[in-house]
Amino acid sequence: DGVRLTVEQLETTAAQQVTAGVTMLMDVPDPVLGLPREC
């Protein structure tokens, strides 16, 4: 169960990042998202 809970936390973090990205880019003309090749 602890693994399930940790994976659910990862899902929550991903959803928060998606929401933040959408909010930031939604009304921007010609939106561009920069991605890292390596971290």
PDB file of all heavy atoms in Angstrom:
ATOM      1  N   ASP A   1       0.816  -1.202   0.000  1.00  0.00           N
ATOM      2  CA  ASP A   1       0.000   0.000   0.000  1.00  0.00           C
ATOM      3  C   ASP A   1       0.854   1.258   0.000  1.00  0.00           C
ATOM      4  O   ASP A   1       0.496   2.257  -0.620  1.00  0.00           O
ATOM      5  CB  ASP A   1      -0.949  -0.006   1.198  1.00  0.00           C
ATOM      6  CG  ASP A   1      -2.050   1.029   1.049  1.00  0.00           C
ATOM      7  OD1 ASP A   1      -2.665   1.082  -0.039  1.00  0.00           O
ATOM      8  OD2 ASP A   1      -2.289   1.783   2.006  1.00  0.00           O
ATOM      9  N   GLY A   2       1.999   1.236   0.675  1.00  0.00           N
ATOM     10  CA  GLY A   2       2.873   2.403   0.687  1.00  0.00           C
ATOM     11  C   GLY A   2       3.367   2.774  -0.703  1.00  0.00           C
ATOM     12  O   GLY A   2       3.556   3.951  -1.011  1.00  0.00           O
ATOM     13  N   VAL A   3       3.558   1.782  -1.543  1.00  0.00           N
ATOM     14  CA  VAL A   3       3.962   2.036  -2.929  1.00  0.00           C
ATOM     15  C   VAL A   3       2.812   2.701  -3.674  1.00  0.00           C
ATOM     16  O   VAL A   3       3.001   3.684  -4.390  1.00  0.00           O
ATOM     17  CB  VAL A   3       4.412   0.735  -3.626  1.00  0.00           C
ATOM     18  CG1 VAL A   3       4.597   0.947  -5.119  1.00  0.00           C
ATOM     19  CG2 VAL A   3       5.679   0.209  -2.979  1.00  0.00           C
ATOM     20  N   ARG A   4       1.598   2.174  -3.488  1.00  0.00           N
ATOM     21  CA  ARG A   4       0.426   2.784  -4.126  1.00  0.00           C
ATOM     22  C   ARG A   4       0.306   4.256  -3.721  1.00  0.00           C
ATOM     23  O   ARG A   4       0.096   5.125  -4.561  1.00  0.00           O
ATOM     24  CB  ARG A   4      -0.851   2.040  -3.749  1.00  0.00           C
ATOM     25  CG  ARG A   4      -2.125   2.686  -4.333  1.00  0.00           C
ATOM     26  CD  ARG A   4      -3.396   1.991  -3.863  1.00  0.00           C
ATOM     27  NE  ARG A   4      -3.554   2.017  -2.427  1.00  0.00           N
ATOM     28  CZ  ARG A   4      -4.101   3.022  -1.731  1.00  0.00           C
ATOM     29  NH1 ARG A   4      -4.515   4.115  -2.355  1.00  0.00           N
ATOM     30  NH2 ARG A   4      -4.222   2.952  -0.423  1.00  0.00           N
ATOM     31  N   LEU A   5       0.471   4.533  -2.438  1.00  0.00           N
ATOM     32  CA  LEU A   5       0.359   5.913  -1.953  1.00  0.00           C
ATOM     33  C   LEU A   5       1.437   6.809  -2.549  1.00  0.00           C
ATOM     34  O   LEU A   5       1.173   7.954  -2.932  1.00  0.00           O
ATOM     35  CB  LEU A   5       0.413   5.935  -0.425  1.00  0.00           C
ATOM     36  CG  LEU A   5      -0.758   5.245   0.277  1.00  0.00           C
ATOM     37  CD1 LEU A   5      -0.500   5.168   1.782  1.00  0.00           C
ATOM     38  CD2 LEU A   5      -2.074   5.919  -0.028  1.00  0.00           C
ATOM     39  N   THR A   6       2.655   6.299  -2.658  1.00  0.00           N
ATOM     40  CA  THR A   6       3.751   7.073  -3.250  1.00  0.00           C
ATOM     41  C   THR A   6       3.486   7.342  -4.729  1.00  0.00           C
ATOM     42  O   THR A   6       3.699   8.459  -5.215  1.00  0.00           O
ATOM     43  CB  THR A   6       5.095   6.346  -3.059  1.00  0.00           C
ATOM     44  OG1 THR A   6       5.331   6.198  -1.656  1.00  0.00           O
ATOM     45  CG2 THR A   6       6.240   7.119  -3.688  1.00  0.00           C
ATOM     46  N   VAL A   7       2.998   6.344  -5.438  1.00  0.00           N
ATOM     47  CA  VAL A   7       2.687   6.515  -6.860  1.00  0.00           C
ATOM     48  C   VAL A   7       1.546   7.522  -7.024  1.00  0.00           C
ATOM     49  O   VAL A   7       1.569   8.353  -7.941  1.00  0.00           O
ATOM     50  CB  VAL A   7       2.373   5.156  -7.525  1.00  0.00           C
ATOM     51  CG1 VAL A   7       1.810   5.339  -8.929  1.00  0.00           C
ATOM     52  CG2 VAL A   7       3.637   4.291  -7.562  1.00  0.00           C
ATOM     53  N   GLU A   8       0.567   7.485  -6.133  1.00  0.00           N
ATOM     54  CA  GLU A   8      -0.514   8.472  -6.182  1.00  0.00           C
ATOM     55  C   GLU A   8       0.032   9.885  -5.958  1.00  0.00           C
ATOM     56  O   GLU A   8      -0.436  10.838  -6.579  1.00  0.00           O
ATOM     57  CB  GLU A   8      -1.599   8.147  -5.155  1.00  0.00           C
ATOM     58  CG  GLU A   8      -2.446   6.959  -5.555  1.00  0.00           C
ATOM     59  CD  GLU A   8      -3.454   6.531  -4.487  1.00  0.00           C
ATOM     60  OE1 GLU A   8      -3.460   7.115  -3.367  1.00  0.00           O
ATOM     61  OE2 GLU A   8      -4.237   5.617  -4.768  1.00  0.00           O
ATOM     62  N   GLN A   9       1.038  10.027  -5.099  1.00  0.00           N
ATOM     63  CA  GLN A   9       1.668  11.337  -4.889  1.00  0.00           C
ATOM     64  C   GLN A   9       2.366  11.809  -6.164  1.00  0.00           C
ATOM     65  O   GLN A   9       2.316  12.998  -6.507  1.00  0.00           O
ATOM     66  CB  GLN A   9       2.659  11.287  -3.733  1.00  0.00           C
ATOM     67  CG  GLN A   9       2.007  11.133  -2.372  1.00  0.00           C
ATOM     68  CD  GLN A   9       3.019  10.861  -1.277  1.00  0.00           C
ATOM     69  OE1 GLN A   9       4.154  10.462  -1.524  1.00  0.00           O
ATOM     70  NE2 GLN A   9       2.591  11.057  -0.029  1.00  0.00           N
ATOM     71  N   LEU A  10       3.006  10.884  -6.866  1.00  0.00           N
ATOM     72  CA  LEU A  10       3.645  11.232  -8.139  1.00  0.00           C
ATOM     73  C   LEU A  10       2.598  11.689  -9.151  1.00  0.00           C
ATOM     74  O   LEU A  10       2.821  12.656  -9.901  1.00  0.00           O
ATOM     75  CB  LEU A  10       4.438  10.046  -8.693  1.00  0.00           C
ATOM     76  CG  LEU A  10       5.669   9.626  -7.899  1.00  0.00           C
ATOM     77  CD1 LEU A  10       6.230   8.314  -8.442  1.00  0.00           C
ATOM     78  CD2 LEU A  10       6.724  10.717  -7.919  1.00  0.00           C
ATOM     79  N   GLU A  11       1.454  11.005  -9.178  1.00  0.00           N
ATOM     80  CA  GLU A  11       0.368  11.405 -10.076  1.00  0.00           C
ATOM     81  C   GLU A  11      -0.147  12.808  -9.732  1.00  0.00           C
ATOM     82  O   GLU A  11      -0.413  13.613 -10.625  1.00  0.00           O
ATOM     83  CB  GLU A  11      -0.794  10.416  -9.995  1.00  0.00           C
ATOM     84  CG  GLU A  11      -0.524   9.076 -10.624  1.00  0.00           C
ATOM     85  CD  GLU A  11      -1.714   8.159 -10.503  1.00  0.00           C
ATOM     86  OE1 GLU A  11      -1.962   7.635  -9.400  1.00  0.00           O
ATOM     87  OE2 GLU A  11      -2.408   7.984 -11.529  1.00  0.00           O
ATOM     88  N   THR A  12      -0.266  13.092  -8.445  1.00  0.00           N
ATOM     89  CA  THR A  12      -0.721  14.410  -8.004  1.00  0.00           C
ATOM     90  C   THR A  12       0.268  15.487  -8.422  1.00  0.00           C
ATOM     91  O   THR A  12      -0.124  16.547  -8.927  1.00  0.00           O
ATOM     92  CB  THR A  12      -0.929  14.423  -6.476  1.00  0.00           C
ATOM     93  OG1 THR A  12      -1.953  13.476  -6.154  1.00  0.00           O
ATOM     94  CG2 THR A  12      -1.318  15.798  -5.969  1.00  0.00           C
ATOM     95  N   THR A  13       1.545  15.220  -8.242  1.00  0.00           N
ATOM     96  CA  THR A  13       2.573  16.175  -8.654  1.00  0.00           C
ATOM     97  C   THR A  13       2.508  16.424 -10.155  1.00  0.00           C
ATOM     98  O   THR A  13       2.591  17.573 -10.607  1.00  0.00           O
ATOM     99  CB  THR A  13       3.974  15.660  -8.252  1.00  0.00           C
ATOM    100  OG1 THR A  13       4.010  15.526  -6.832  1.00  0.00           O
ATOM    101  CG2 THR A  13       5.071  16.605  -8.713  1.00  0.00           C
ATOM    102  N   ALA A  14       2.344  15.366 -10.928  1.00  0.00           N
ATOM    103  CA  ALA A  14       2.241  15.515 -12.385  1.00  0.00           C
ATOM    104  C   ALA A  14       1.026  16.360 -12.746  1.00  0.00           C
ATOM    105  O   ALA A  14       1.123  17.269 -13.584  1.00  0.00           O
ATOM    106  CB  ALA A  14       2.158  14.140 -13.049  1.00  0.00           C
ATOM    107  N   ALA A  15      -0.107  16.085 -12.120  1.00  0.00           N
ATOM    108  CA  ALA A  15      -1.325  16.843 -12.412  1.00  0.00           C
ATOM    109  C   ALA A  15      -1.144  18.318 -12.072  1.00  0.00           C
ATOM    110  O   ALA A  15      -1.594  19.201 -12.813  1.00  0.00           O
ATOM    111  CB  ALA A  15      -2.509  16.257 -11.646  1.00  0.00           C
ATOM    112  N   GLN A  16      -0.456  18.597 -10.971  1.00  0.00           N
ATOM    113  CA  GLN A  16      -0.188  19.992 -10.587  1.00  0.00           C
ATOM    114  C   GLN A  16       0.704  20.678 -11.618  1.00  0.00           C
ATOM    115  O   GLN A  16       0.480  21.842 -11.961  1.00  0.00           O
ATOM    116  CB  GLN A  16       0.449  20.050  -9.197  1.00  0.00           C
ATOM    117  CG  GLN A  16      -0.493  19.657  -8.091  1.00  0.00           C
ATOM    118  CD  GLN A  16       0.206  19.444  -6.757  1.00  0.00           C
ATOM    119  OE1 GLN A  16       1.427  19.261  -6.692  1.00  0.00           O
ATOM    120  NE2 GLN A  16      -0.568  19.448  -5.679  1.00  0.00           N
ATOM    121  N   GLN A  17       1.709  19.960 -12.113  1.00  0.00           N
ATOM    122  CA  GLN A  17       2.597  20.543 -13.118  1.00  0.00           C
ATOM    123  C   GLN A  17       1.857  20.790 -14.430  1.00  0.00           C
ATOM    124  O   GLN A  17       2.085  21.805 -15.096  1.00  0.00           O
ATOM    125  CB  GLN A  17       3.820  19.654 -13.331  1.00  0.00           C
ATOM    126  CG  GLN A  17       4.767  19.686 -12.159  1.00  0.00           C
ATOM    127  CD  GLN A  17       6.044  18.902 -12.408  1.00  0.00           C
ATOM    128  OE1 GLN A  17       6.244  18.289 -13.445  1.00  0.00           O
ATOM    129  NE2 GLN A  17       6.930  18.919 -11.430  1.00  0.00           N
ATOM    130  N   VAL A  18       0.976  19.871 -14.799  1.00  0.00           N
ATOM    131  CA  VAL A  18       0.184  20.056 -16.015  1.00  0.00           C
ATOM    132  C   VAL A  18      -0.716  21.278 -15.855  1.00  0.00           C
ATOM    133  O   VAL A  18      -0.775  22.148 -16.740  1.00  0.00           O
ATOM    134  CB  VAL A  18      -0.643  18.798 -16.348  1.00  0.00           C
ATOM    135  CG1 VAL A  18      -1.651  19.076 -17.454  1.00  0.00           C
ATOM    136  CG2 VAL A  18       0.277  17.646 -16.743  1.00  0.00           C
ATOM    137  N   THR A  19      -1.406  21.370 -14.732  1.00  0.00           N
ATOM    138  CA  THR A  19      -2.295  22.507 -14.486  1.00  0.00           C
ATOM    139  C   THR A  19      -1.526  23.823 -14.530  1.00  0.00           C
ATOM    140  O   THR A  19      -1.980  24.805 -15.146  1.00  0.00           O
ATOM    141  CB  THR A  19      -3.012  22.348 -13.130  1.00  0.00           C
ATOM    142  OG1 THR A  19      -3.813  21.157 -13.180  1.00  0.00           O
ATOM    143  CG2 THR A  19      -3.899  23.541 -12.821  1.00  0.00           C
ATOM    144  N   ALA A  20      -0.370  23.863 -13.899  1.00  0.00           N
ATOM    145  CA  ALA A  20       0.450  25.082 -13.895  1.00  0.00           C
ATOM    146  C   ALA A  20       0.882  25.443 -15.314  1.00  0.00           C
ATOM    147  O   ALA A  20       0.836  26.615 -15.708  1.00  0.00           O
ATOM    148  CB  ALA A  20       1.666  24.904 -12.989  1.00  0.00           C
ATOM    149  N   GLY A  21       1.304  24.449 -16.081  1.00  0.00           N
ATOM    150  CA  GLY A  21       1.732  24.704 -17.460  1.00  0.00           C
ATOM    151  C   GLY A  21       0.594  25.192 -18.333  1.00  0.00           C
ATOM    152  O   GLY A  21       0.759  26.142 -19.119  1.00  0.00           O
ATOM    153  N   VAL A  22      -0.567  24.582 -18.200  1.00  0.00           N
ATOM    154  CA  VAL A  22      -1.734  25.000 -18.980  1.00  0.00           C
ATOM    155  C   VAL A  22      -2.125  26.423 -18.602  1.00  0.00           C
ATOM    156  O   VAL A  22      -2.372  27.269 -19.470  1.00  0.00           O
ATOM    157  CB  VAL A  22      -2.909  24.023 -18.777  1.00  0.00           C
ATOM    158  CG1 VAL A  22      -4.207  24.586 -19.355  1.00  0.00           C
ATOM    159  CG2 VAL A  22      -2.595  22.665 -19.397  1.00  0.00           C
ATOM    160  N   THR A  23      -2.159  26.692 -17.304  1.00  0.00           N
ATOM    161  CA  THR A  23      -2.519  28.040 -16.831  1.00  0.00           C
ATOM    162  C   THR A  23      -1.557  29.084 -17.369  1.00  0.00           C
ATOM    163  O   THR A  23      -1.973  30.157 -17.819  1.00  0.00           O
ATOM    164  CB  THR A  23      -2.539  28.074 -15.288  1.00  0.00           C
ATOM    165  OG1 THR A  23      -3.500  27.121 -14.824  1.00  0.00           O
ATOM    166  CG2 THR A  23      -2.875  29.450 -14.764  1.00  0.00           C
ATOM    167  N   MET A  24      -0.281  28.773 -17.365  1.00  0.00           N
ATOM    168  CA  MET A  24       0.743  29.716 -17.815  1.00  0.00           C
ATOM    169  C   MET A  24       0.670  29.964 -19.323  1.00  0.00           C
ATOM    170  O   MET A  24       0.912  31.079 -19.795  1.00  0.00           O
ATOM    171  CB  MET A  24       2.128  29.177 -17.442  1.00  0.00           C
ATOM    172  CG  MET A  24       3.282  30.072 -17.828  1.00  0.00           C
ATOM    173  SD  MET A  24       4.876  29.415 -17.301  1.00  0.00           S
ATOM    174  CE  MET A  24       5.006  27.958 -18.338  1.00  0.00           C
ATOM    175  N   LEU A  25       0.300  28.933 -20.100  1.00  0.00           N
ATOM    176  CA  LEU A  25       0.401  29.028 -21.561  1.00  0.00           C
ATOM    177  C   LEU A  25      -0.931  29.203 -22.291  1.00  0.00           C
ATOM    178  O   LEU A  25      -0.941  29.505 -23.483  1.00  0.00           O
ATOM    179  CB  LEU A  25       1.096  27.776 -22.106  1.00  0.00           C
ATOM    180  CG  LEU A  25       2.543  27.585 -21.660  1.00  0.00           C
ATOM    181  CD1 LEU A  25       3.027  26.192 -22.006  1.00  0.00           C
ATOM    182  CD2 LEU A  25       3.426  28.647 -22.284  1.00  0.00           C
ATOM    183  N   MET A  26      -2.039  29.029 -21.589  1.00  0.00           N
ATOM    184  CA  MET A  26      -3.352  28.978 -22.238  1.00  0.00           C
ATOM    185  C   MET A  26      -3.658  30.211 -23.091  1.00  0.00           C
ATOM    186  O   MET A  26      -4.108  30.080 -24.214  1.00  0.00           O
ATOM    187  CB  MET A  26      -4.445  28.794 -21.186  1.00  0.00           C
ATOM    188  CG  MET A  26      -5.834  28.676 -21.779  1.00  0.00           C
ATOM    189  SD  MET A  26      -6.025  27.304 -22.943  1.00  0.00           S
ATOM    190  CE  MET A  26      -6.231  25.961 -21.820  1.00  0.00           C
ATOM    191  N   ASP A  27      -3.440  31.378 -22.587  1.00  0.00           N
ATOM    192  CA  ASP A  27      -3.819  32.595 -23.312  1.00  0.00           C
ATOM    193  C   ASP A  27      -2.639  33.325 -23.946  1.00  0.00           C
ATOM    194  O   ASP A  27      -2.750  34.494 -24.321  1.00  0.00           O
ATOM    195  CB  ASP A  27      -4.570  33.537 -22.358  1.00  0.00           C
ATOM    196  CG  ASP A  27      -5.889  32.929 -21.900  1.00  0.00           C
ATOM    197  OD1 ASP A  27      -6.567  32.286 -22.726  1.00  0.00           O
ATOM    198  OD2 ASP A  27      -6.233  33.074 -20.710  1.00  0.00           O
ATOM    199  N   VAL A  28      -1.521  32.621 -24.077  1.00  0.00           N
ATOM    200  CA  VAL A  28      -0.329  33.207 -24.685  1.00  0.00           C
ATOM    201  C   VAL A  28      -0.409  33.014 -26.197  1.00  0.00           C
ATOM    202  O   VAL A  28      -0.646  31.903 -26.666  1.00  0.00           O
ATOM    203  CB  VAL A  28       0.945  32.527 -24.125  1.00  0.00           C
ATOM    204  CG1 VAL A  28       2.181  32.992 -24.859  1.00  0.00           C
ATOM    205  CG2 VAL A  28       1.060  32.758 -22.633  1.00  0.00           C
ATOM    206  N   PRO A  29      -0.221  34.117 -26.968  1.00  0.00           N
ATOM    207  CA  PRO A  29      -0.176  33.916 -28.419  1.00  0.00           C
ATOM    208  C   PRO A  29       1.095  33.144 -28.788  1.00  0.00           C
ATOM    209  O   PRO A  29       2.161  33.412 -28.244  1.00  0.00           O
ATOM    210  CB  PRO A  29      -0.153  35.335 -28.989  1.00  0.00           C
ATOM    211  CG  PRO A  29       0.063  36.257 -27.838  1.00  0.00           C
ATOM    212  CD  PRO A  29      -0.087  35.496 -26.569  1.00  0.00           C
ATOM    213  N   ASP A  30       0.970  32.178 -29.667  1.00  0.00           N
ATOM    214  CA  ASP A  30       2.099  31.353 -30.108  1.00  0.00           C
ATOM    215  C   ASP A  30       2.862  30.760 -28.917  1.00  0.00           C
ATOM    216  O   ASP A  30       4.071  31.010 -28.751  1.00  0.00           O
ATOM    217  CB  ASP A  30       3.053  32.158 -30.993  1.00  0.00           C
ATOM    218  CG  ASP A  30       2.350  32.751 -32.210  1.00  0.00           C
ATOM    219  OD1 ASP A  30       1.532  32.017 -32.816  1.00  0.00           O
ATOM    220  OD2 ASP A  30       2.600  33.921 -32.538  1.00  0.00           O
ATOM    221  N   PRO A  31       2.188  29.961 -28.086  1.00  0.00           N
ATOM    222  CA  PRO A  31       2.846  29.408 -26.897  1.00  0.00           C
ATOM    223  C   PRO A  31       3.962  28.433 -27.245  1.00  0.00           C
ATOM    224  O   PRO A  31       3.857  27.653 -28.188  1.00  0.00           O
ATOM    225  CB  PRO A  31       1.710  28.696 -26.164  1.00  0.00           C
ATOM    226  CG  PRO A  31       0.726  28.349 -27.239  1.00  0.00           C
ATOM    227  CD  PRO A  31       0.832  29.460 -28.258  1.00  0.00           C
ATOM    228  N   VAL A  32       5.047  28.529 -26.481  1.00  0.00           N
ATOM    229  CA  VAL A  32       6.208  27.660 -26.668  1.00  0.00           C
ATOM    230  C   VAL A  32       6.583  27.077 -25.309  1.00  0.00           C
ATOM    231  O   VAL A  32       6.649  27.795 -24.315  1.00  0.00           O
ATOM    232  CB  VAL A  32       7.407  28.441 -27.245  1.00  0.00           C
ATOM    233  CG1 VAL A  32       8.631  27.537 -27.361  1.00  0.00           C
ATOM    234  CG2 VAL A  32       7.047  29.035 -28.602  1.00  0.00           C
ATOM    235  N   LEU A  33       6.846  25.799 -25.302  1.00  0.00           N
ATOM    236  CA  LEU A  33       7.260  25.117 -24.080  1.00  0.00           C
ATOM    237  C   LEU A  33       8.658  24.550 -24.291  1.00  0.00           C
ATOM    238  O   LEU A  33       8.885  23.771 -25.221  1.00  0.00           O
ATOM    239  CB  LEU A  33       6.280  23.983 -23.742  1.00  0.00           C
ATOM    240  CG  LEU A  33       6.535  23.191 -22.480  1.00  0.00           C
ATOM    241  CD1 LEU A  33       6.497  24.100 -21.249  1.00  0.00           C
ATOM    242  CD2 LEU A  33       5.497  22.089 -22.331  1.00  0.00           C
ATOM    243  N   GLY A  34       9.601  24.979 -23.459  1.00  0.00           N
ATOM    244  CA  GLY A  34      10.977  24.493 -23.542  1.00  0.00           C
ATOM    245  C   GLY A  34      11.151  23.235 -22.704  1.00  0.00           C
ATOM    246  O   GLY A  34      10.743  23.192 -21.552  1.00  0.00           O
ATOM    247  N   LEU A  35      11.736  22.235 -23.314  1.00  0.00           N
ATOM    248  CA  LEU A  35      11.970  20.955 -22.637  1.00  0.00           C
ATOM    249  C   LEU A  35      13.462  20.693 -22.484  1.00  0.00           C
ATOM    250  O   LEU A  35      14.235  21.023 -23.377  1.00  0.00           O
ATOM    251  CB  LEU A  35      11.369  19.802 -23.448  1.00  0.00           C
ATOM    252  CG  LEU A  35       9.871  19.845 -23.657  1.00  0.00           C
ATOM    253  CD1 LEU A  35       9.457  18.809 -24.681  1.00  0.00           C
ATOM    254  CD2 LEU A  35       9.185  19.587 -22.330  1.00  0.00           C
ATOM    255  N   PRO A  36      13.861  20.068 -21.399  1.00  0.00           N
ATOM    256  CA  PRO A  36      15.279  19.729 -21.247  1.00  0.00           C
ATOM    257  C   PRO A  36      15.636  18.475 -22.052  1.00  0.00           C
ATOM    258  O   PRO A  36      14.881  17.513 -22.079  1.00  0.00           O
ATOM    259  CB  PRO A  36      15.403  19.457 -19.748  1.00  0.00           C
ATOM    260  CG  PRO A  36      14.053  18.971 -19.344  1.00  0.00           C
ATOM    261  CD  PRO A  36      13.076  19.714 -20.221  1.00  0.00           C
ATOM    262  N   ARG A  37      16.768  18.514 -22.727  1.00  0.00           N
ATOM    263  CA  ARG A  37      17.288  17.282 -23.359  1.00  0.00           C
ATOM    264  C   ARG A  37      17.834  16.365 -22.279  1.00  0.00           C
ATOM    265  O   ARG A  37      17.674  15.166 -22.321  1.00  0.00           O
ATOM    266  CB  ARG A  37      18.416  17.609 -24.335  1.00  0.00           C
ATOM    267  CG  ARG A  37      17.955  18.159 -25.634  1.00  0.00           C
ATOM    268  CD  ARG A  37      19.150  18.275 -26.585  1.00  0.00           C
ATOM    269  NE  ARG A  37      18.817  19.144 -27.677  1.00  0.00           N
ATOM    270  CZ  ARG A  37      18.264  18.706 -28.819  1.00  0.00           C
ATOM    271  NH1 ARG A  37      18.016  17.442 -28.998  1.00  0.00           N
ATOM    272  NH2 ARG A  37      17.978  19.562 -29.768  1.00  0.00           N
ATOM    273  N   GLU A  38      18.515  16.982 -21.334  1.00  0.00           N
ATOM    274  CA  GLU A  38      19.065  16.275 -20.178  1.00  0.00           C
ATOM    275  C   GLU A  38      18.766  17.138 -18.970  1.00  0.00           C
ATOM    276  O   GLU A  38      18.611  18.348 -19.086  1.00  0.00           O
ATOM    277  CB  GLU A  38      20.570  16.087 -20.326  1.00  0.00           C
ATOM    278  CG  GLU A  38      20.951  15.197 -21.493  1.00  0.00           C
ATOM    279  CD  GLU A  38      22.459  15.041 -21.618  1.00  0.00           C
ATOM    280  OE1 GLU A  38      23.174  15.274 -20.627  1.00  0.00           O
ATOM    281  OE2 GLU A  38      22.893  14.698 -22.714  1.00  0.00           O
ATOM    282  N   CYS A  39      18.693  16.516 -17.829  1.00  0.00           N
ATOM    283  CA  CYS A  39      18.419  17.272 -16.607  1.00  0.00           C
ATOM    284  C   CYS A  39      19.687  17.401 -15.788  1.00  0.00           C
ATOM    285  O   CYS A  39      20.483  16.463 -15.718  1.00  0.00           O
ATOM    286  CB  CYS A  39      17.343  16.574 -15.789  1.00  0.00           C
ATOM    287  SG  CYS A  39      15.730  16.654 -16.571  1.00  0.00           S
TER     288      CYS A  39
END
